[in-house]
Amino acid sequence: MNKARDFLDLSDDEMQTIAVYAYEEIYNQGDVIFSEGHKADTFYIIDSGQVSISVSKSGKPEEISRLDDGDFFGELALLDKDKRESTATANTKAIIWTISHDEFKKLITDKPAIANKLKTVAQTRREELLLKEQLVSATNVGQQNLHVSLKGDPSIRETAFTRERYQSVVDKVLPRLIPALRQILFESSVYRIYVGLNNGEVRIHSAINPFIEEIHTADKIVSGTYINRHFPPMEYETKRKLMYDITDFIEKTQEFSSMPDSWRHVLDVIQDDWRPIERQQLETVLDGLCDMRKIQNFYLRNFSLSMAQDAIRMQFNCDGTHIVSSSDYLQFIEDNII
């Protein structure tokens, strides 16, 4: 367990103290050590072998870390008095030292120096988990081949082929709507658009009024006069700079600086990684929307796109939702239309 000693900066005496509380267990390759959502009752230190830590995203496991000899895990739920937030699986045969919940409580009570070192590492892991648990976050901006699929109501999925399709108010104006959306995104202060292709609802977020969601109708949006009346003109690059300025201003406020260190650190990571999407990428997405609506069976029901985040959300008549990056969008169209 030398690696654990080095990682936590533990003395020989502290390592011997931990060993007093521990019991050896052996896991074979593929064994689940604990599962997400289960009661937390054990702390683990790897003597030898490799362990995978994963979280569930849209029903599928996603590995968030891989641990080796001397690494420890399982402390988060014990310290937070919560259920397991992840699943641990043995990637190889592993010899692991385990400390029960009651013994762990004694350890951190009797040995505050060890407890403080564990809590410091646990805080870092909380931050990592927070960033990993989201389906799509600011850290996904620019990510290649982002594609998240969410299944909806099974009854809706099963009747998708038998439900009669009707022409909505949006279908009637769709050839005019796409140029209108292009004008709103690239020549006004708007940075995010949601369009309900069945009911004609258009939701708008503007960089100059970021806390308000405006709601319009598609038959109004296609009017140039309506656009000029409702959406202040702004060049795309000017809008990008404004969005940077807003995030920079927030980081300099007293409210931001007074937040707990862990939250400020997470937000700093998000702000550092955040990049507005290039105009050409959004142009490509808009060009393909008409085709997505014309799919014979599983046609597009609503979509949202934003220059602030590289995650195009599309929901289909089968109640399934797909979230793809702009770089994966053309491949998505090719796989589903061509």
C-alpha atoms as a PDB file:
ATOM      1  CA  MET A   1       0.000   0.000   0.000  1.00  0.00           C
ATOM      2  CA  ASN A   2       2.979   2.276  -0.539  1.00  0.00           C
ATOM      3  CA  LYS A   3       1.198   4.213  -3.266  1.00  0.00           C
ATOM      4  CA  ALA A   4      -1.646   5.074  -0.888  1.00  0.00           C
ATOM      5  CA  ARG A   5       0.886   6.213   1.676  1.00  0.00           C
ATOM      6  CA  ASP A   6       2.595   8.484  -0.852  1.00  0.00           C
ATOM      7  CA  PHE A   7      -0.715   9.812  -2.229  1.00  0.00           C
ATOM      8  CA  LEU A   8      -2.035  10.774   1.186  1.00  0.00           C
ATOM      9  CA  ASP A   9       1.384  11.725   2.551  1.00  0.00           C
ATOM     10  CA  LEU A  10       0.978   9.166   5.359  1.00  0.00           C
ATOM     11  CA  SER A  11       3.697   8.224   7.805  1.00  0.00           C
ATOM     12  CA  ASP A  12       4.664   4.596   8.504  1.00  0.00           C
ATOM     13  CA  ASP A  13       2.806   4.815  11.811  1.00  0.00           C
ATOM     14  CA  GLU A  14      -0.335   6.081  10.080  1.00  0.00           C
ATOM     15  CA  MET A  15      -0.150   3.241   7.546  1.00  0.00           C
ATOM     16  CA  GLN A  16       0.182   0.715  10.358  1.00  0.00           C
ATOM     17  CA  THR A  17      -2.818   2.321  12.073  1.00  0.00           C
ATOM     18  CA  ILE A  18      -4.928   1.925   8.951  1.00  0.00           C
ATOM     19  CA  ALA A  19      -3.814  -1.703   8.589  1.00  0.00           C
ATOM     20  CA  VAL A  20      -5.195  -2.454  12.066  1.00  0.00           C
ATOM     21  CA  TYR A  21      -8.707  -1.554  10.876  1.00  0.00           C
ATOM     22  CA  ALA A  22      -8.475  -3.434   7.551  1.00  0.00           C
ATOM     23  CA  TYR A  23      -9.303  -6.930   6.294  1.00  0.00           C
ATOM     24  CA  GLU A  24      -8.064  -8.540   3.089  1.00  0.00           C
ATOM     25  CA  GLU A  25     -10.523  -9.548   0.377  1.00  0.00           C
ATOM     26  CA  ILE A  26      -9.924 -11.017  -3.083  1.00  0.00           C
ATOM     27  CA  TYR A  27     -11.981 -10.089  -6.170  1.00  0.00           C
ATOM     28  CA  ASN A  28     -11.791 -11.847  -9.535  1.00  0.00           C
ATOM     29  CA  GLN A  29     -11.831 -10.045 -12.874  1.00  0.00           C
ATOM     30  CA  GLY A  30     -15.335  -8.723 -13.600  1.00  0.00           C
ATOM     31  CA  ASP A  31     -16.531  -8.867  -9.991  1.00  0.00           C
ATOM     32  CA  VAL A  32     -18.688  -5.902  -8.964  1.00  0.00           C
ATOM     33  CA  ILE A  33     -17.297  -4.542  -5.703  1.00  0.00           C
ATOM     34  CA  PHE A  34     -20.221  -2.173  -5.153  1.00  0.00           C
ATOM     35  CA  SER A  35     -22.990  -0.718  -7.322  1.00  0.00           C
ATOM     36  CA  GLU A  36     -24.338   2.788  -7.831  1.00  0.00           C
ATOM     37  CA  GLY A  37     -27.290   3.438  -5.510  1.00  0.00           C
ATOM     38  CA  HIS A  38     -26.335   0.793  -2.960  1.00  0.00           C
ATOM     39  CA  LYS A  39     -25.739   1.449   0.716  1.00  0.00           C
ATOM     40  CA  ALA A  40     -22.223   2.596   1.543  1.00  0.00           C
ATOM     41  CA  ASP A  41     -20.669   0.360   4.193  1.00  0.00           C
ATOM     42  CA  THR A  42     -16.997  -0.126   3.256  1.00  0.00           C
ATOM     43  CA  PHE A  43     -13.787   1.776   2.489  1.00  0.00           C
ATOM     44  CA  TYR A  44     -11.310   0.118   0.101  1.00  0.00           C
ATOM     45  CA  ILE A  45      -7.536   0.229  -0.501  1.00  0.00           C
ATOM     46  CA  ILE A  46      -6.093  -1.704  -3.469  1.00  0.00           C
ATOM     47  CA  ASP A  47      -3.137  -3.886  -2.494  1.00  0.00           C
ATOM     48  CA  SER A  48      -2.749  -5.213  -6.043  1.00  0.00           C
ATOM     49  CA  GLY A  49      -4.829  -5.236  -9.205  1.00  0.00           C
ATOM     50  CA  GLN A  50      -6.945  -2.723 -11.083  1.00  0.00           C
ATOM     51  CA  VAL A  51     -10.447  -1.348 -10.393  1.00  0.00           C
ATOM     52  CA  SER A  52     -12.759   0.610 -12.729  1.00  0.00           C
ATOM     53  CA  ILE A  53     -15.068   3.313 -11.341  1.00  0.00           C
ATOM     54  CA  SER A  54     -18.083   4.146 -13.528  1.00  0.00           C
ATOM     55  CA  VAL A  55     -21.317   6.154 -13.391  1.00  0.00           C
ATOM     56  CA  SER A  56     -24.572   5.532 -15.216  1.00  0.00           C
ATOM     57  CA  LYS A  57     -25.381   7.919 -18.065  1.00  0.00           C
ATOM     58  CA  SER A  58     -28.693   7.453 -19.879  1.00  0.00           C
ATOM     59  CA  GLY A  59     -28.774   3.836 -18.780  1.00  0.00           C
ATOM     60  CA  LYS A  60     -25.206   3.012 -19.850  1.00  0.00           C
ATOM     61  CA  PRO A  61     -22.053   2.806 -17.694  1.00  0.00           C
ATOM     62  CA  GLU A  62     -19.330   5.361 -18.369  1.00  0.00           C
ATOM     63  CA  GLU A  63     -15.911   4.900 -16.810  1.00  0.00           C
ATOM     64  CA  ILE A  64     -14.722   7.955 -14.926  1.00  0.00           C
ATOM     65  CA  SER A  65     -11.497   6.580 -13.450  1.00  0.00           C
ATOM     66  CA  ARG A  66      -9.275   3.526 -13.311  1.00  0.00           C
ATOM     67  CA  LEU A  67      -7.447   2.731 -10.066  1.00  0.00           C
ATOM     68  CA  ASP A  68      -4.307   0.654  -9.486  1.00  0.00           C
ATOM     69  CA  ASP A  69      -2.085  -0.665  -6.682  1.00  0.00           C
ATOM     70  CA  GLY A  70      -2.242   1.563  -3.607  1.00  0.00           C
ATOM     71  CA  ASP A  71      -5.240   3.636  -4.742  1.00  0.00           C
ATOM     72  CA  PHE A  72      -8.238   3.850  -2.424  1.00  0.00           C
ATOM     73  CA  PHE A  73     -11.945   4.386  -3.073  1.00  0.00           C
ATOM     74  CA  GLY A  74     -15.355   4.274  -1.430  1.00  0.00           C
ATOM     75  CA  GLU A  75     -14.675   7.147   0.952  1.00  0.00           C
ATOM     76  CA  LEU A  76     -17.057   9.652  -0.652  1.00  0.00           C
ATOM     77  CA  ALA A  77     -20.314   7.971   0.310  1.00  0.00           C
ATOM     78  CA  LEU A  78     -19.004   7.110   3.778  1.00  0.00           C
ATOM     79  CA  LEU A  79     -17.959  10.699   4.482  1.00  0.00           C
ATOM     80  CA  ASP A  80     -21.159  12.113   2.981  1.00  0.00           C
ATOM     81  CA  LYS A  81     -23.340   9.471   4.704  1.00  0.00           C
ATOM     82  CA  ASP A  82     -24.961   8.757   1.370  1.00  0.00           C
ATOM     83  CA  LYS A  83     -25.534   5.891  -1.061  1.00  0.00           C
ATOM     84  CA  ARG A  84     -22.941   4.938  -3.635  1.00  0.00           C
ATOM     85  CA  GLU A  85     -22.686   7.485  -6.452  1.00  0.00           C
ATOM     86  CA  SER A  86     -20.776   5.102  -8.740  1.00  0.00           C
ATOM     87  CA  THR A  87     -20.048   1.451  -9.486  1.00  0.00           C
ATOM     88  CA  ALA A  88     -16.690  -0.222  -8.778  1.00  0.00           C
ATOM     89  CA  THR A  89     -15.664  -3.263 -10.824  1.00  0.00           C
ATOM     90  CA  ALA A  90     -12.476  -5.342 -10.704  1.00  0.00           C
ATOM     91  CA  ASN A  91     -10.726  -5.078 -14.087  1.00  0.00           C
ATOM     92  CA  THR A  92      -8.241  -7.747 -13.048  1.00  0.00           C
ATOM     93  CA  LYS A  93      -7.888 -10.089 -10.131  1.00  0.00           C
ATOM     94  CA  ALA A  94      -7.511  -7.707  -7.195  1.00  0.00           C
ATOM     95  CA  ILE A  95      -6.420  -8.018  -3.594  1.00  0.00           C
ATOM     96  CA  ILE A  96      -8.142  -5.250  -1.660  1.00  0.00           C
ATOM     97  CA  TRP A  97      -7.957  -4.140   1.949  1.00  0.00           C
ATOM     98  CA  THR A  98     -11.442  -3.293   3.239  1.00  0.00           C
ATOM     99  CA  ILE A  99     -12.481  -1.227   6.241  1.00  0.00           C
ATOM    100  CA  SER A 100     -16.082  -1.532   7.445  1.00  0.00           C
ATOM    101  CA  HIS A 101     -18.313   1.486   8.033  1.00  0.00           C
ATOM    102  CA  ASP A 102     -18.025   1.246  11.813  1.00  0.00           C
ATOM    103  CA  GLU A 103     -14.246   0.818  11.724  1.00  0.00           C
ATOM    104  CA  PHE A 104     -13.960   3.701   9.256  1.00  0.00           C
ATOM    105  CA  LYS A 105     -15.872   5.943  11.679  1.00  0.00           C
ATOM    106  CA  LYS A 106     -13.487   4.951  14.469  1.00  0.00           C
ATOM    107  CA  LEU A 107     -10.488   5.624  12.227  1.00  0.00           C
ATOM    108  CA  ILE A 108     -11.496   9.169  11.266  1.00  0.00           C
ATOM    109  CA  THR A 109     -12.596   9.931  14.841  1.00  0.00           C
ATOM    110  CA  ASP A 110      -9.461   8.589  16.519  1.00  0.00           C
ATOM    111  CA  LYS A 111      -7.008   9.816  13.882  1.00  0.00           C
ATOM    112  CA  PRO A 112      -7.997  13.351  12.800  1.00  0.00           C
ATOM    113  CA  ALA A 113      -4.787  13.824  10.800  1.00  0.00           C
ATOM    114  CA  ILE A 114      -5.659  10.833   8.609  1.00  0.00           C
ATOM    115  CA  ALA A 115      -9.277  12.018   8.407  1.00  0.00           C
ATOM    116  CA  ASN A 116      -8.214  15.440   7.137  1.00  0.00           C
ATOM    117  CA  LYS A 117      -6.046  13.909   4.424  1.00  0.00           C
ATOM    118  CA  LEU A 118      -8.898  11.639   3.318  1.00  0.00           C
ATOM    119  CA  LYS A 119     -11.342  14.564   3.256  1.00  0.00           C
ATOM    120  CA  THR A 120      -8.965  16.616   1.103  1.00  0.00           C
ATOM    121  CA  VAL A 121      -8.771  13.873  -1.509  1.00  0.00           C
ATOM    122  CA  ALA A 122     -12.539  13.267  -1.235  1.00  0.00           C
ATOM    123  CA  GLN A 123     -13.242  16.909  -2.039  1.00  0.00           C
ATOM    124  CA  THR A 124     -11.219  16.672  -5.247  1.00  0.00           C
ATOM    125  CA  ARG A 125     -13.159  13.561  -6.212  1.00  0.00           C
ATOM    126  CA  ARG A 126     -16.483  15.290  -5.530  1.00  0.00           C
ATOM    127  CA  GLU A 127     -15.482  17.981  -8.010  1.00  0.00           C
ATOM    128  CA  GLU A 128     -14.477  15.390 -10.606  1.00  0.00           C
ATOM    129  CA  LEU A 129     -17.737  13.492 -10.087  1.00  0.00           C
ATOM    130  CA  LEU A 130     -19.808  16.665 -10.427  1.00  0.00           C
ATOM    131  CA  LEU A 131     -18.230  17.386 -13.809  1.00  0.00           C
ATOM    132  CA  LYS A 132     -18.568  13.783 -15.004  1.00  0.00           C
ATOM    133  CA  GLU A 133     -22.152  13.094 -13.897  1.00  0.00           C
ATOM    134  CA  GLN A 134     -23.808  15.626 -16.214  1.00  0.00           C
ATOM    135  CA  LEU A 135     -24.949  14.237 -19.541  1.00  0.00           C
ATOM    136  CA  VAL A 136     -23.588  17.322 -21.262  1.00  0.00           C
ATOM    137  CA  SER A 137     -21.726  20.152 -19.580  1.00  0.00           C
ATOM    138  CA  ALA A 138     -19.569  23.071 -20.607  1.00  0.00           C
ATOM    139  CA  THR A 139     -16.614  20.686 -20.532  1.00  0.00           C
ATOM    140  CA  ASN A 140     -18.199  18.858 -23.494  1.00  0.00           C
ATOM    141  CA  VAL A 141     -17.815  21.919 -25.715  1.00  0.00           C
ATOM    142  CA  GLY A 142     -15.613  20.998 -28.650  1.00  0.00           C
ATOM    143  CA  GLN A 143     -15.769  17.305 -27.760  1.00  0.00           C
ATOM    144  CA  GLN A 144     -15.495  15.109 -30.833  1.00  0.00           C
ATOM    145  CA  ASN A 145     -18.233  12.561 -31.515  1.00  0.00           C
ATOM    146  CA  LEU A 146     -20.501  13.471 -28.630  1.00  0.00           C
ATOM    147  CA  HIS A 147     -23.665  11.388 -29.016  1.00  0.00           C
ATOM    148  CA  VAL A 148     -26.045  10.736 -26.144  1.00  0.00           C
ATOM    149  CA  SER A 149     -29.289   8.809 -26.766  1.00  0.00           C
ATOM    150  CA  LEU A 150     -32.242   8.901 -24.387  1.00  0.00           C
ATOM    151  CA  LYS A 151     -35.187   6.543 -24.797  1.00  0.00           C
ATOM    152  CA  GLY A 152     -38.629   7.912 -24.014  1.00  0.00           C
ATOM    153  CA  ASP A 153     -42.056   6.445 -23.311  1.00  0.00           C
ATOM    154  CA  PRO A 154     -42.172   2.845 -24.673  1.00  0.00           C
ATOM    155  CA  SER A 155     -45.853   3.173 -25.580  1.00  0.00           C
ATOM    156  CA  ILE A 156     -45.076   6.168 -27.798  1.00  0.00           C
ATOM    157  CA  ARG A 157     -42.140   4.344 -29.365  1.00  0.00           C
ATOM    158  CA  GLU A 158     -44.234   1.276 -30.184  1.00  0.00           C
ATOM    159  CA  THR A 159     -47.006   3.275 -31.888  1.00  0.00           C
ATOM    160  CA  ALA A 160     -44.724   5.560 -33.919  1.00  0.00           C
ATOM    161  CA  PHE A 161     -45.424   3.635 -37.143  1.00  0.00           C
ATOM    162  CA  THR A 162     -49.202   3.556 -36.699  1.00  0.00           C
ATOM    163  CA  ARG A 163     -49.838   7.171 -35.704  1.00  0.00           C
ATOM    164  CA  GLU A 164     -51.024   9.334 -38.579  1.00  0.00           C
ATOM    165  CA  ARG A 165     -48.673  12.155 -39.420  1.00  0.00           C
ATOM    166  CA  TYR A 166     -50.154  15.570 -39.972  1.00  0.00           C
ATOM    167  CA  GLN A 167     -48.767  18.775 -41.434  1.00  0.00           C
ATOM    168  CA  SER A 168     -48.066  21.221 -38.638  1.00  0.00           C
ATOM    169  CA  VAL A 169     -47.998  25.001 -38.784  1.00  0.00           C
ATOM    170  CA  VAL A 170     -44.192  24.774 -38.877  1.00  0.00           C
ATOM    171  CA  ASP A 171     -44.157  22.410 -41.866  1.00  0.00           C
ATOM    172  CA  LYS A 172     -46.030  25.053 -43.838  1.00  0.00           C
ATOM    173  CA  VAL A 173     -43.389  27.711 -43.142  1.00  0.00           C
ATOM    174  CA  LEU A 174     -40.261  25.548 -42.707  1.00  0.00           C
ATOM    175  CA  PRO A 175     -38.501  26.714 -45.897  1.00  0.00           C
ATOM    176  CA  ARG A 176     -38.846  30.299 -44.599  1.00  0.00           C
ATOM    177  CA  LEU A 177     -38.185  29.403 -40.966  1.00  0.00           C
ATOM    178  CA  ILE A 178     -34.624  28.125 -41.479  1.00  0.00           C
ATOM    179  CA  PRO A 179     -33.378  31.440 -43.018  1.00  0.00           C
ATOM    180  CA  ALA A 180     -35.180  33.297 -40.215  1.00  0.00           C
ATOM    181  CA  LEU A 181     -33.427  31.196 -37.562  1.00  0.00           C
ATOM    182  CA  ARG A 182     -30.136  31.804 -39.332  1.00  0.00           C
ATOM    183  CA  GLN A 183     -30.739  35.560 -39.175  1.00  0.00           C
ATOM    184  CA  ILE A 184     -31.683  35.433 -35.486  1.00  0.00           C
ATOM    185  CA  LEU A 185     -28.633  33.374 -34.505  1.00  0.00           C
ATOM    186  CA  PHE A 186     -26.052  35.184 -36.599  1.00  0.00           C
ATOM    187  CA  GLU A 187     -27.305  38.755 -36.780  1.00  0.00           C
ATOM    188  CA  SER A 188     -28.955  39.369 -33.386  1.00  0.00           C
ATOM    189  CA  SER A 189     -28.213  38.994 -29.670  1.00  0.00           C
ATOM    190  CA  VAL A 190     -29.852  35.526 -29.539  1.00  0.00           C
ATOM    191  CA  TYR A 191     -27.525  32.674 -28.557  1.00  0.00           C
ATOM    192  CA  ARG A 192     -29.949  29.751 -28.020  1.00  0.00           C
ATOM    193  CA  ILE A 193     -33.048  28.581 -29.916  1.00  0.00           C
ATOM    194  CA  TYR A 194     -35.580  25.827 -29.242  1.00  0.00           C
ATOM    195  CA  VAL A 195     -38.176  25.011 -31.925  1.00  0.00           C
ATOM    196  CA  GLY A 196     -41.210  22.775 -31.472  1.00  0.00           C
ATOM    197  CA  LEU A 197     -41.853  21.521 -34.993  1.00  0.00           C
ATOM    198  CA  ASN A 198     -45.262  20.071 -34.082  1.00  0.00           C
ATOM    199  CA  ASN A 199     -46.748  23.011 -32.172  1.00  0.00           C
ATOM    200  CA  GLY A 200     -44.801  25.972 -33.564  1.00  0.00           C
ATOM    201  CA  GLU A 201     -43.324  27.063 -30.221  1.00  0.00           C
ATOM    202  CA  VAL A 202     -40.020  28.933 -30.490  1.00  0.00           C
ATOM    203  CA  ARG A 203     -38.064  29.613 -27.286  1.00  0.00           C
ATOM    204  CA  ILE A 204     -35.327  32.209 -27.368  1.00  0.00           C
ATOM    205  CA  HIS A 205     -32.414  33.125 -25.057  1.00  0.00           C
ATOM    206  CA  SER A 206     -30.583  36.392 -25.620  1.00  0.00           C
ATOM    207  CA  ALA A 207     -27.094  37.437 -24.495  1.00  0.00           C
ATOM    208  CA  ILE A 208     -28.378  40.872 -23.475  1.00  0.00           C
ATOM    209  CA  ASN A 209     -31.211  39.385 -21.407  1.00  0.00           C
ATOM    210  CA  PRO A 210     -29.783  35.962 -20.411  1.00  0.00           C
ATOM    211  CA  PHE A 211     -32.138  35.180 -17.514  1.00  0.00           C
ATOM    212  CA  ILE A 212     -35.356  35.370 -19.516  1.00  0.00           C
ATOM    213  CA  GLU A 213     -36.708  32.754 -21.903  1.00  0.00           C
ATOM    214  CA  GLU A 214     -38.759  34.453 -24.595  1.00  0.00           C
ATOM    215  CA  ILE A 215     -41.520  32.431 -26.267  1.00  0.00           C
ATOM    216  CA  HIS A 216     -42.608  33.161 -29.839  1.00  0.00           C
ATOM    217  CA  THR A 217     -44.462  31.266 -32.572  1.00  0.00           C
ATOM    218  CA  ALA A 218     -42.909  30.000 -35.783  1.00  0.00           C
ATOM    219  CA  ASP A 219     -45.429  31.734 -38.034  1.00  0.00           C
ATOM    220  CA  LYS A 220     -44.356  35.081 -36.515  1.00  0.00           C
ATOM    221  CA  ILE A 221     -40.623  34.347 -36.537  1.00  0.00           C
ATOM    222  CA  VAL A 222     -40.581  34.027 -40.346  1.00  0.00           C
ATOM    223  CA  SER A 223     -41.419  37.718 -40.679  1.00  0.00           C
ATOM    224  CA  GLY A 224     -38.403  39.974 -41.131  1.00  0.00           C
ATOM    225  CA  THR A 225     -40.333  42.870 -39.607  1.00  0.00           C
ATOM    226  CA  TYR A 226     -41.108  40.764 -36.539  1.00  0.00           C
ATOM    227  CA  ILE A 227     -37.447  39.777 -36.182  1.00  0.00           C
ATOM    228  CA  ASN A 228     -36.263  43.376 -36.415  1.00  0.00           C
ATOM    229  CA  ARG A 229     -38.833  44.439 -33.821  1.00  0.00           C
ATOM    230  CA  HIS A 230     -38.002  41.767 -31.252  1.00  0.00           C
ATOM    231  CA  PHE A 231     -34.300  40.938 -31.644  1.00  0.00           C
ATOM    232  CA  PRO A 232     -31.678  43.704 -31.370  1.00  0.00           C
ATOM    233  CA  PRO A 233     -29.057  43.421 -34.126  1.00  0.00           C
ATOM    234  CA  MET A 234     -25.633  42.202 -33.055  1.00  0.00           C
ATOM    235  CA  GLU A 235     -22.733  40.752 -35.016  1.00  0.00           C
ATOM    236  CA  TYR A 236     -21.763  37.176 -34.183  1.00  0.00           C
ATOM    237  CA  GLU A 237     -18.240  38.021 -33.024  1.00  0.00           C
ATOM    238  CA  THR A 238     -19.569  40.896 -30.900  1.00  0.00           C
ATOM    239  CA  LYS A 239     -21.967  38.478 -29.239  1.00  0.00           C
ATOM    240  CA  ARG A 240     -19.151  35.997 -28.578  1.00  0.00           C
ATOM    241  CA  LYS A 241     -17.144  38.741 -26.870  1.00  0.00           C
ATOM    242  CA  LEU A 242     -20.168  39.811 -24.821  1.00  0.00           C
ATOM    243  CA  MET A 243     -20.650  36.253 -23.578  1.00  0.00           C
ATOM    244  CA  TYR A 244     -16.994  36.057 -22.564  1.00  0.00           C
ATOM    245  CA  ASP A 245     -17.341  39.400 -20.766  1.00  0.00           C
ATOM    246  CA  ILE A 246     -20.409  38.201 -18.865  1.00  0.00           C
ATOM    247  CA  THR A 247     -18.702  35.046 -17.606  1.00  0.00           C
ATOM    248  CA  ASP A 248     -15.591  37.045 -16.713  1.00  0.00           C
ATOM    249  CA  PHE A 249     -17.716  39.559 -14.781  1.00  0.00           C
ATOM    250  CA  ILE A 250     -19.412  36.797 -12.782  1.00  0.00           C
ATOM    251  CA  GLU A 251     -16.044  35.391 -11.712  1.00  0.00           C
ATOM    252  CA  LYS A 252     -15.074  38.809 -10.332  1.00  0.00           C
ATOM    253  CA  THR A 253     -18.184  39.340  -8.203  1.00  0.00           C
ATOM    254  CA  GLN A 254     -18.189  39.120  -4.424  1.00  0.00           C
ATOM    255  CA  GLU A 255     -20.910  36.479  -4.634  1.00  0.00           C
ATOM    256  CA  PHE A 256     -18.646  34.247  -6.710  1.00  0.00           C
ATOM    257  CA  SER A 257     -15.630  34.747  -4.472  1.00  0.00           C
ATOM    258  CA  SER A 258     -17.684  33.962  -1.352  1.00  0.00           C
ATOM    259  CA  MET A 259     -18.752  30.550  -2.657  1.00  0.00           C
ATOM    260  CA  PRO A 260     -17.142  27.429  -1.130  1.00  0.00           C
ATOM    261  CA  ASP A 261     -13.733  26.673  -2.608  1.00  0.00           C
ATOM    262  CA  SER A 262     -14.948  23.432  -4.150  1.00  0.00           C
ATOM    263  CA  TRP A 263     -17.725  25.152  -6.110  1.00  0.00           C
ATOM    264  CA  ARG A 264     -15.470  27.983  -7.239  1.00  0.00           C
ATOM    265  CA  HIS A 265     -12.932  25.472  -8.467  1.00  0.00           C
ATOM    266  CA  VAL A 266     -15.546  23.530 -10.455  1.00  0.00           C
ATOM    267  CA  LEU A 267     -16.912  26.719 -11.996  1.00  0.00           C
ATOM    268  CA  ASP A 268     -13.388  27.874 -12.817  1.00  0.00           C
ATOM    269  CA  VAL A 269     -12.837  24.628 -14.717  1.00  0.00           C
ATOM    270  CA  ILE A 270     -16.091  25.114 -16.617  1.00  0.00           C
ATOM    271  CA  GLN A 271     -15.310  28.742 -17.429  1.00  0.00           C
ATOM    272  CA  ASP A 272     -11.781  27.889 -18.563  1.00  0.00           C
ATOM    273  CA  ASP A 273     -13.044  25.130 -20.874  1.00  0.00           C
ATOM    274  CA  TRP A 274     -15.981  27.074 -22.280  1.00  0.00           C
ATOM    275  CA  ARG A 275     -15.733  28.196 -25.899  1.00  0.00           C
ATOM    276  CA  PRO A 276     -18.598  29.521 -28.082  1.00  0.00           C
ATOM    277  CA  ILE A 277     -19.235  27.425 -31.181  1.00  0.00           C
ATOM    278  CA  GLU A 278     -17.948  28.631 -34.509  1.00  0.00           C
ATOM    279  CA  ARG A 279     -20.580  30.072 -36.823  1.00  0.00           C
ATOM    280  CA  GLN A 280     -19.864  27.574 -39.618  1.00  0.00           C
ATOM    281  CA  GLN A 281     -20.666  24.663 -37.316  1.00  0.00           C
ATOM    282  CA  LEU A 282     -24.127  26.072 -36.578  1.00  0.00           C
ATOM    283  CA  GLU A 283     -24.645  26.827 -40.273  1.00  0.00           C
ATOM    284  CA  THR A 284     -24.133  23.122 -41.000  1.00  0.00           C
ATOM    285  CA  VAL A 285     -26.701  22.134 -38.388  1.00  0.00           C
ATOM    286  CA  LEU A 286     -29.333  24.530 -39.709  1.00  0.00           C
ATOM    287  CA  ASP A 287     -28.801  23.290 -43.268  1.00  0.00           C
ATOM    288  CA  GLY A 288     -29.758  19.758 -42.235  1.00  0.00           C
ATOM    289  CA  LEU A 289     -32.887  20.452 -40.198  1.00  0.00           C
ATOM    290  CA  CYS A 290     -35.343  20.262 -43.106  1.00  0.00           C
ATOM    291  CA  ASP A 291     -34.049  16.790 -43.950  1.00  0.00           C
ATOM    292  CA  MET A 292     -34.455  15.678 -40.333  1.00  0.00           C
ATOM    293  CA  ARG A 293     -38.102  16.689 -40.462  1.00  0.00           C
ATOM    294  CA  LYS A 294     -38.659  14.676 -43.660  1.00  0.00           C
ATOM    295  CA  ILE A 295     -37.529  11.307 -42.282  1.00  0.00           C
ATOM    296  CA  GLN A 296     -40.217   8.803 -43.259  1.00  0.00           C
ATOM    297  CA  ASN A 297     -40.904   7.145 -39.903  1.00  0.00           C
ATOM    298  CA  PHE A 298     -38.904   8.706 -37.050  1.00  0.00           C
ATOM    299  CA  TYR A 299     -39.088  12.351 -38.006  1.00  0.00           C
ATOM    300  CA  LEU A 300     -37.841  15.316 -35.953  1.00  0.00           C
ATOM    301  CA  ARG A 301     -40.360  16.681 -33.432  1.00  0.00           C
ATOM    302  CA  ASN A 302     -38.341  19.441 -31.764  1.00  0.00           C
ATOM    303  CA  PHE A 303     -34.764  20.599 -31.507  1.00  0.00           C
ATOM    304  CA  SER A 304     -32.564  23.095 -29.702  1.00  0.00           C
ATOM    305  CA  LEU A 305     -29.168  24.520 -30.532  1.00  0.00           C
ATOM    306  CA  SER A 306     -26.938  27.083 -28.905  1.00  0.00           C
ATOM    307  CA  MET A 307     -23.754  28.900 -29.788  1.00  0.00           C
ATOM    308  CA  ALA A 308     -22.766  28.563 -26.116  1.00  0.00           C
ATOM    309  CA  GLN A 309     -22.623  24.767 -26.096  1.00  0.00           C
ATOM    310  CA  ASP A 310     -21.707  22.175 -28.691  1.00  0.00           C
ATOM    311  CA  ALA A 311     -24.698  19.940 -28.035  1.00  0.00           C
ATOM    312  CA  ILE A 312     -27.521  19.850 -30.568  1.00  0.00           C
ATOM    313  CA  ARG A 313     -30.584  18.322 -28.917  1.00  0.00           C
ATOM    314  CA  MET A 314     -33.119  16.570 -31.171  1.00  0.00           C
ATOM    315  CA  GLN A 315     -36.310  14.792 -30.114  1.00  0.00           C
ATOM    316  CA  PHE A 316     -38.183  12.562 -32.531  1.00  0.00           C
ATOM    317  CA  ASN A 317     -41.793  11.422 -32.860  1.00  0.00           C
ATOM    318  CA  CYS A 318     -40.878   8.092 -31.255  1.00  0.00           C
ATOM    319  CA  ASP A 319     -40.099  10.093 -28.070  1.00  0.00           C
ATOM    320  CA  GLY A 320     -36.397   9.373 -28.368  1.00  0.00           C
ATOM    321  CA  THR A 321     -33.913  12.179 -27.791  1.00  0.00           C
ATOM    322  CA  HIS A 322     -30.446  12.472 -29.316  1.00  0.00           C
ATOM    323  CA  ILE A 323     -27.774  14.948 -28.245  1.00  0.00           C
ATOM    324  CA  VAL A 324     -24.898  15.222 -30.704  1.00  0.00           C
ATOM    325  CA  SER A 325     -21.943  17.506 -31.217  1.00  0.00           C
ATOM    326  CA  SER A 326     -21.785  19.612 -34.345  1.00  0.00           C
ATOM    327  CA  SER A 327     -18.826  17.510 -35.512  1.00  0.00           C
ATOM    328  CA  ASP A 328     -20.952  14.341 -35.268  1.00  0.00           C
ATOM    329  CA  TYR A 329     -24.085  15.905 -36.752  1.00  0.00           C
ATOM    330  CA  LEU A 330     -23.376  15.108 -40.417  1.00  0.00           C
ATOM    331  CA  GLN A 331     -22.574  11.506 -39.515  1.00  0.00           C
ATOM    332  CA  PHE A 332     -25.858  11.329 -37.589  1.00  0.00           C
ATOM    333  CA  ILE A 333     -27.760  12.543 -40.675  1.00  0.00           C
ATOM    334  CA  GLU A 334     -25.919  10.072 -42.900  1.00  0.00           C
ATOM    335  CA  ASP A 335     -26.709   7.170 -40.560  1.00  0.00           C
ATOM    336  CA  ASN A 336     -30.400   8.063 -40.255  1.00  0.00           C
ATOM    337  CA  ILE A 337     -31.429   9.669 -43.543  1.00  0.00           C
ATOM    338  CA  ILE A 338     -29.136   8.804 -46.431  1.00  0.00           C
END
